[in-house]
């Protein structure tokens, strides 16, 4: 399954907000430096969908706030 994600890095609180049409707004405390925010996004999405982290990967948008993630089966 693919989902579209809008990331707010450097936020005060971490949150995963589901939007219509397989879209999510994710806030992470990590700064967008050296992949820290991307790593935290993967962790939060894996936890939200209850799958291992290795089943979640960023397909598009490694360096932008808008990303497309692939979520595999358990």
PDB file of N, CA and C in Angstrom:
ATOM      1  N   UNK A   1       0.847  -1.172   0.000  1.00  0.00           N
ATOM      2  CA  UNK A   1       0.000   0.000   0.000  1.00  0.00           C
ATOM      3  C   UNK A   1       0.892   1.234   0.000  1.00  0.00           C
ATOM      4  N   UNK A   2       0.510   2.230  -0.763  1.00  0.00           N
ATOM      5  CA  UNK A   2       1.235   3.491  -0.786  1.00  0.00           C
ATOM      6  C   UNK A   2       0.406   4.571  -0.123  1.00  0.00           C
ATOM      7  N   UNK A   3       1.077   5.430   0.647  1.00  0.00           N
ATOM      8  CA  UNK A   3       0.411   6.550   1.296  1.00  0.00           C
ATOM      9  C   UNK A   3       1.210   7.816   1.034  1.00  0.00           C
ATOM     10  N   UNK A   4       0.505   8.929   1.003  1.00  0.00           N
ATOM     11  CA  UNK A   4       1.125  10.230   0.831  1.00  0.00           C
ATOM     12  C   UNK A   4       1.243  10.882   2.202  1.00  0.00           C
ATOM     13  N   UNK A   5       2.399  11.474   2.475  1.00  0.00           N
ATOM     14  CA  UNK A   5       2.675  12.023   3.798  1.00  0.00           C
ATOM     15  C   UNK A   5       3.202  13.448   3.676  1.00  0.00           C
ATOM     16  N   UNK A   6       2.693  14.335   4.523  1.00  0.00           N
ATOM     17  CA  UNK A   6       3.212  15.692   4.650  1.00  0.00           C
ATOM     18  C   UNK A   6       3.869  15.760   6.024  1.00  0.00           C
ATOM     19  N   UNK A   7       5.171  16.060   6.058  1.00  0.00           N
ATOM     20  CA  UNK A   7       5.941  16.010   7.298  1.00  0.00           C
ATOM     21  C   UNK A   7       6.253  17.417   7.797  1.00  0.00           C
ATOM     22  N   UNK A   8       6.041  17.626   9.089  1.00  0.00           N
ATOM     23  CA  UNK A   8       6.447  18.848   9.769  1.00  0.00           C
ATOM     24  C   UNK A   8       7.576  18.468  10.722  1.00  0.00           C
ATOM     25  N   UNK A   9       8.808  18.725  10.305  1.00  0.00           N
ATOM     26  CA  UNK A   9       9.982  18.381  11.129  1.00  0.00           C
ATOM     27  C   UNK A   9      10.266  19.511  12.114  1.00  0.00           C
ATOM     28  N   UNK A  10      10.853  19.149  13.258  1.00  0.00           N
ATOM     29  CA  UNK A  10      11.193  20.130  14.274  1.00  0.00           C
ATOM     30  C   UNK A  10       9.979  20.608  15.062  1.00  0.00           C
ATOM     31  N   UNK A  11       8.929  19.818  15.108  1.00  0.00           N
ATOM     32  CA  UNK A  11       7.703  20.186  15.828  1.00  0.00           C
ATOM     33  C   UNK A  11       7.885  19.994  17.333  1.00  0.00           C
ATOM     34  N   UNK A  12       7.033  20.632  18.116  1.00  0.00           N
ATOM     35  CA  UNK A  12       7.097  20.481  19.567  1.00  0.00           C
ATOM     36  C   UNK A  12       6.527  19.143  20.021  1.00  0.00           C
ATOM     37  N   UNK A  13       5.492  18.653  19.324  1.00  0.00           N
ATOM     38  CA  UNK A  13       4.867  17.377  19.658  1.00  0.00           C
ATOM     39  C   UNK A  13       4.867  16.473  18.442  1.00  0.00           C
ATOM     40  N   UNK A  14       4.980  15.174  18.680  1.00  0.00           N
ATOM     41  CA  UNK A  14       4.909  14.206  17.592  1.00  0.00           C
ATOM     42  C   UNK A  14       3.474  13.718  17.461  1.00  0.00           C
ATOM     43  N   UNK A  15       3.006  13.646  16.206  1.00  0.00           N
ATOM     44  CA  UNK A  15       1.634  13.213  15.964  1.00  0.00           C
ATOM     45  C   UNK A  15       1.498  12.642  14.564  1.00  0.00           C
ATOM     46  N   UNK A  16       0.550  11.713  14.418  1.00  0.00           N
ATOM     47  CA  UNK A  16       0.189  11.158  13.121  1.00  0.00           C
ATOM     48  C   UNK A  16      -1.297  11.443  12.938  1.00  0.00           C
ATOM     49  N   UNK A  17      -1.614  12.244  11.931  1.00  0.00           N
ATOM     50  CA  UNK A  17      -3.001  12.623  11.674  1.00  0.00           C
ATOM     51  C   UNK A  17      -3.434  12.061  10.326  1.00  0.00           C
ATOM     52  N   UNK A  18      -4.449  11.218  10.335  1.00  0.00           N
ATOM     53  CA  UNK A  18      -4.965  10.625   9.104  1.00  0.00           C
ATOM     54  C   UNK A  18      -5.874  11.625   8.400  1.00  0.00           C
ATOM     55  N   UNK A  19      -5.674  11.773   7.096  1.00  0.00           N
ATOM     56  CA  UNK A  19      -6.488  12.632   6.249  1.00  0.00           C
ATOM     57  C   UNK A  19      -7.177  11.753   5.211  1.00  0.00           C
ATOM     58  N   UNK A  20      -8.148  12.275   4.471  1.00  0.00           N
ATOM     59  CA  UNK A  20      -8.818  11.466   3.439  1.00  0.00           C
ATOM     60  C   UNK A  20      -7.862  11.009   2.333  1.00  0.00           C
ATOM     61  N   UNK A  21      -8.241   9.964   1.630  1.00  0.00           N
ATOM     62  CA  UNK A  21      -7.522   9.462   0.444  1.00  0.00           C
ATOM     63  C   UNK A  21      -6.104   8.975   0.728  1.00  0.00           C
ATOM     64  N   UNK A  22      -5.911   8.201   1.784  1.00  0.00           N
ATOM     65  CA  UNK A  22      -4.611   7.613   2.131  1.00  0.00           C
ATOM     66  C   UNK A  22      -3.516   8.670   2.281  1.00  0.00           C
ATOM     67  N   UNK A  23      -3.871   9.803   2.910  1.00  0.00           N
ATOM     68  CA  UNK A  23      -2.893  10.855   3.170  1.00  0.00           C
ATOM     69  C   UNK A  23      -2.750  11.024   4.682  1.00  0.00           C
ATOM     70  N   UNK A  24      -1.561  11.463   5.081  1.00  0.00           N
ATOM     71  CA  UNK A  24      -1.286  11.659   6.496  1.00  0.00           C
ATOM     72  C   UNK A  24      -0.490  12.936   6.701  1.00  0.00           C
ATOM     73  N   UNK A  25      -0.707  13.568   7.835  1.00  0.00           N
ATOM     74  CA  UNK A  25       0.110  14.695   8.265  1.00  0.00           C
ATOM     75  C   UNK A  25       0.858  14.206   9.500  1.00  0.00           C
ATOM     76  N   UNK A  26       2.183  14.245   9.439  1.00  0.00           N
ATOM     77  CA  UNK A  26       3.001  13.715  10.522  1.00  0.00           C
ATOM     78  C   UNK A  26       3.910  14.815  11.053  1.00  0.00           C
ATOM     79  N   UNK A  27       3.894  15.006  12.355  1.00  0.00           N
ATOM     80  CA  UNK A  27       4.777  15.959  13.022  1.00  0.00           C
ATOM     81  C   UNK A  27       5.817  15.168  13.803  1.00  0.00           C
ATOM     82  N   UNK A  28       7.089  15.541  13.628  1.00  0.00           N
ATOM     83  CA  UNK A  28       8.167  14.873  14.347  1.00  0.00           C
ATOM     84  C   UNK A  28       9.053  15.914  15.016  1.00  0.00           C
ATOM     85  N   UNK A  29       9.635  15.552  16.154  1.00  0.00           N
ATOM     86  CA  UNK A  29      10.523  16.456  16.874  1.00  0.00           C
ATOM     87  C   UNK A  29      11.896  16.555  16.208  1.00  0.00           C
ATOM     88  N   UNK A  30      12.297  15.511  15.517  1.00  0.00           N
ATOM     89  CA  UNK A  30      13.622  15.459  14.899  1.00  0.00           C
ATOM     90  C   UNK A  30      13.774  16.539  13.828  1.00  0.00           C
ATOM     91  N   UNK A  31      14.972  17.067  13.729  1.00  0.00           N
ATOM     92  CA  UNK A  31      15.291  18.061  12.707  1.00  0.00           C
ATOM     93  C   UNK A  31      15.535  17.356  11.377  1.00  0.00           C
ATOM     94  N   UNK A  32      15.319  18.057  10.266  1.00  0.00           N
ATOM     95  CA  UNK A  32      15.559  17.446   8.955  1.00  0.00           C
ATOM     96  C   UNK A  32      17.044  17.465   8.586  1.00  0.00           C
ATOM     97  N   UNK A  33      17.852  16.858   9.431  1.00  0.00           N
ATOM     98  CA  UNK A  33      19.300  16.820   9.223  1.00  0.00           C
ATOM     99  C   UNK A  33      19.782  15.380   9.257  1.00  0.00           C
ATOM    100  N   UNK A  34      20.569  14.999   8.272  1.00  0.00           N
ATOM    101  CA  UNK A  34      21.186  13.673   8.182  1.00  0.00           C
ATOM    102  C   UNK A  34      20.159  12.540   8.265  1.00  0.00           C
ATOM    103  N   UNK A  35      18.966  12.782   7.752  1.00  0.00           N
ATOM    104  CA  UNK A  35      17.953  11.732   7.698  1.00  0.00           C
ATOM    105  C   UNK A  35      17.248  11.434   9.014  1.00  0.00           C
ATOM    106  N   UNK A  36      17.459  12.255  10.031  1.00  0.00           N
ATOM    107  CA  UNK A  36      16.853  11.995  11.344  1.00  0.00           C
ATOM    108  C   UNK A  36      15.334  12.084  11.290  1.00  0.00           C
ATOM    109  N   UNK A  37      14.804  13.083  10.615  1.00  0.00           N
ATOM    110  CA  UNK A  37      13.349  13.231  10.527  1.00  0.00           C
ATOM    111  C   UNK A  37      12.743  12.088   9.709  1.00  0.00           C
ATOM    112  N   UNK A  38      13.395  11.699   8.623  1.00  0.00           N
ATOM    113  CA  UNK A  38      12.891  10.588   7.806  1.00  0.00           C
ATOM    114  C   UNK A  38      12.849   9.294   8.611  1.00  0.00           C
ATOM    115  N   UNK A  39      13.886   9.046   9.395  1.00  0.00           N
ATOM    116  CA  UNK A  39      13.936   7.834  10.211  1.00  0.00           C
ATOM    117  C   UNK A  39      12.791   7.826  11.223  1.00  0.00           C
ATOM    118  N   UNK A  40      12.526   8.967  11.817  1.00  0.00           N
ATOM    119  CA  UNK A  40      11.443   9.048  12.804  1.00  0.00           C
ATOM    120  C   UNK A  40      10.076   8.888  12.131  1.00  0.00           C
ATOM    121  N   UNK A  41       9.924   9.416  10.922  1.00  0.00           N
ATOM    122  CA  UNK A  41       8.679   9.245  10.178  1.00  0.00           C
ATOM    123  C   UNK A  41       8.424   7.764   9.928  1.00  0.00           C
ATOM    124  N   UNK A  42       9.455   7.044   9.512  1.00  0.00           N
ATOM    125  CA  UNK A  42       9.317   5.604   9.262  1.00  0.00           C
ATOM    126  C   UNK A  42       8.905   4.885  10.545  1.00  0.00           C
ATOM    127  N   UNK A  43       9.516   5.254  11.680  1.00  0.00           N
ATOM    128  CA  UNK A  43       9.167   4.634  12.958  1.00  0.00           C
ATOM    129  C   UNK A  43       7.697   4.875  13.310  1.00  0.00           C
ATOM    130  N   UNK A  44       7.237   6.116  13.168  1.00  0.00           N
ATOM    131  CA  UNK A  44       5.861   6.447  13.532  1.00  0.00           C
ATOM    132  C   UNK A  44       4.844   5.782  12.604  1.00  0.00           C
ATOM    133  N   UNK A  45       5.145   5.734  11.317  1.00  0.00           N
ATOM    134  CA  UNK A  45       4.227   5.095  10.370  1.00  0.00           C
ATOM    135  C   UNK A  45       4.159   3.593  10.646  1.00  0.00           C
ATOM    136  N   UNK A  46       5.291   2.965  10.925  1.00  0.00           N
ATOM    137  CA  UNK A  46       5.306   1.537  11.242  1.00  0.00           C
ATOM    138  C   UNK A  46       4.472   1.261  12.493  1.00  0.00           C
ATOM    139  N   UNK A  47       4.616   2.106  13.490  1.00  0.00           N
ATOM    140  CA  UNK A  47       3.845   1.933  14.722  1.00  0.00           C
ATOM    141  C   UNK A  47       2.353   2.140  14.456  1.00  0.00           C
ATOM    142  N   UNK A  48       2.007   3.135  13.659  1.00  0.00           N
ATOM    143  CA  UNK A  48       0.604   3.428  13.348  1.00  0.00           C
ATOM    144  C   UNK A  48      -0.068   2.257  12.630  1.00  0.00           C
ATOM    145  N   UNK A  49       0.634   1.659  11.663  1.00  0.00           N
ATOM    146  CA  UNK A  49       0.073   0.553  10.891  1.00  0.00           C
ATOM    147  C   UNK A  49       0.372  -0.818  11.496  1.00  0.00           C
ATOM    148  N   UNK A  50       1.099  -0.841  12.617  1.00  0.00           N
ATOM    149  CA  UNK A  50       1.435  -2.078  13.323  1.00  0.00           C
ATOM    150  C   UNK A  50       2.181  -3.069  12.433  1.00  0.00           C
ATOM    151  N   UNK A  51       3.223  -2.562  11.766  1.00  0.00           N
ATOM    152  CA  UNK A  51       4.104  -3.384  10.946  1.00  0.00           C
ATOM    153  C   UNK A  51       5.539  -3.116  11.376  1.00  0.00           C
ATOM    154  N   UNK A  52       6.465  -4.035  11.083  1.00  0.00           N
ATOM    155  CA  UNK A  52       7.866  -3.782  11.399  1.00  0.00           C
ATOM    156  C   UNK A  52       8.407  -2.606  10.587  1.00  0.00           C
ATOM    157  N   UNK A  53       9.394  -1.904  11.141  1.00  0.00           N
ATOM    158  CA  UNK A  53       9.974  -0.747  10.456  1.00  0.00           C
ATOM    159  C   UNK A  53      10.558  -1.102   9.100  1.00  0.00           C
ATOM    160  N   UNK A  54      11.080  -2.316   8.964  1.00  0.00           N
ATOM    161  CA  UNK A  54      11.689  -2.709   7.693  1.00  0.00           C
ATOM    162  C   UNK A  54      10.654  -2.866   6.581  1.00  0.00           C
ATOM    163  N   UNK A  55       9.361  -2.881   6.928  1.00  0.00           N
ATOM    164  CA  UNK A  55       8.293  -2.977   5.932  1.00  0.00           C
ATOM    165  C   UNK A  55       7.837  -1.602   5.434  1.00  0.00           C
ATOM    166  N   UNK A  56       8.392  -0.530   5.999  1.00  0.00           N
ATOM    167  CA  UNK A  56       8.038   0.829   5.588  1.00  0.00           C
ATOM    168  C   UNK A  56       9.261   1.466   4.934  1.00  0.00           C
ATOM    169  N   UNK A  57       9.050   2.015   3.730  1.00  0.00           N
ATOM    170  CA  UNK A  57      10.167   2.689   3.069  1.00  0.00           C
ATOM    171  C   UNK A  57       9.672   3.918   2.319  1.00  0.00           C
ATOM    172  N   UNK A  58      10.550   4.893   2.226  1.00  0.00           N
ATOM    173  CA  UNK A  58      10.230   6.124   1.504  1.00  0.00           C
ATOM    174  C   UNK A  58      10.551   5.893   0.034  1.00  0.00           C
ATOM    175  N   UNK A  59       9.537   6.020  -0.816  1.00  0.00           N
ATOM    176  CA  UNK A  59       9.725   5.829  -2.252  1.00  0.00           C
ATOM    177  C   UNK A  59      10.137   7.134  -2.918  1.00  0.00           C
ATOM    178  N   UNK A  60       9.505   8.228  -2.510  1.00  0.00           N
ATOM    179  CA  UNK A  60       9.734   9.519  -3.150  1.00  0.00           C
ATOM    180  C   UNK A  60       9.693  10.612  -2.098  1.00  0.00           C
ATOM    181  N   UNK A  61      10.586  11.588  -2.215  1.00  0.00           N
ATOM    182  CA  UNK A  61      10.557  12.740  -1.325  1.00  0.00           C
ATOM    183  C   UNK A  61      11.519  12.674  -0.164  1.00  0.00           C
ATOM    184  N   UNK A  62      12.690  12.066  -0.365  1.00  0.00           N
ATOM    185  CA  UNK A  62      13.664  11.953   0.719  1.00  0.00           C
ATOM    186  C   UNK A  62      14.107  13.317   1.245  1.00  0.00           C
ATOM    187  N   UNK A  63      14.104  14.333   0.395  1.00  0.00           N
ATOM    188  CA  UNK A  63      14.603  15.647   0.808  1.00  0.00           C
ATOM    189  C   UNK A  63      13.530  16.727   0.801  1.00  0.00           C
ATOM    190  N   UNK A  64      12.265  16.335   0.741  1.00  0.00           N
ATOM    191  CA  UNK A  64      11.166  17.294   0.752  1.00  0.00           C
ATOM    192  C   UNK A  64      10.161  16.926   1.836  1.00  0.00           C
ATOM    193  N   UNK A  65       9.332  17.877   2.258  1.00  0.00           N
ATOM    194  CA  UNK A  65       8.321  17.569   3.286  1.00  0.00           C
ATOM    195  C   UNK A  65       7.205  16.652   2.790  1.00  0.00           C
ATOM    196  N   UNK A  66       6.956  16.627   1.497  1.00  0.00           N
ATOM    197  CA  UNK A  66       5.922  15.764   0.943  1.00  0.00           C
ATOM    198  C   UNK A  66       6.557  14.469   0.471  1.00  0.00           C
ATOM    199  N   UNK A  67       6.082  13.355   0.977  1.00  0.00           N
ATOM    200  CA  UNK A  67       6.699  12.061   0.700  1.00  0.00           C
ATOM    201  C   UNK A  67       5.646  11.035   0.291  1.00  0.00           C
ATOM    202  N   UNK A  68       6.102  10.006  -0.410  1.00  0.00           N
ATOM    203  CA  UNK A  68       5.266   8.842  -0.691  1.00  0.00           C
ATOM    204  C   UNK A  68       5.946   7.644  -0.048  1.00  0.00           C
ATOM    205  N   UNK A  69       5.202   6.933   0.794  1.00  0.00           N
ATOM    206  CA  UNK A  69       5.734   5.785   1.511  1.00  0.00           C
ATOM    207  C   UNK A  69       5.075   4.504   1.023  1.00  0.00           C
ATOM    208  N   UNK A  70       5.841   3.451   0.988  1.00  0.00           N
ATOM    209  CA  UNK A  70       5.344   2.104   0.662  1.00  0.00           C
ATOM    210  C   UNK A  70       5.288   1.336   1.977  1.00  0.00           C
ATOM    211  N   UNK A  71       4.119   0.772   2.270  1.00  0.00           N
ATOM    212  CA  UNK A  71       3.954  -0.010   3.492  1.00  0.00           C
ATOM    213  C   UNK A  71       3.651  -1.437   3.087  1.00  0.00           C
ATOM    214  N   UNK A  72       4.550  -2.350   3.468  1.00  0.00           N
ATOM    215  CA  UNK A  72       4.396  -3.762   3.115  1.00  0.00           C
ATOM    216  C   UNK A  72       3.523  -4.499   4.105  1.00  0.00           C
ATOM    217  N   UNK A  73       3.316  -5.753   3.803  1.00  0.00           N
ATOM    218  CA  UNK A  73       2.527  -6.619   4.687  1.00  0.00           C
ATOM    219  C   UNK A  73       3.357  -7.014   5.900  1.00  0.00           C
ATOM    220  N   UNK A  74       2.664  -7.499   6.918  1.00  0.00           N
ATOM    221  CA  UNK A  74       3.353  -7.928   8.140  1.00  0.00           C
ATOM    222  C   UNK A  74       4.220  -9.054   7.820  1.00  0.00           C
TER     223      UNK A  74
END
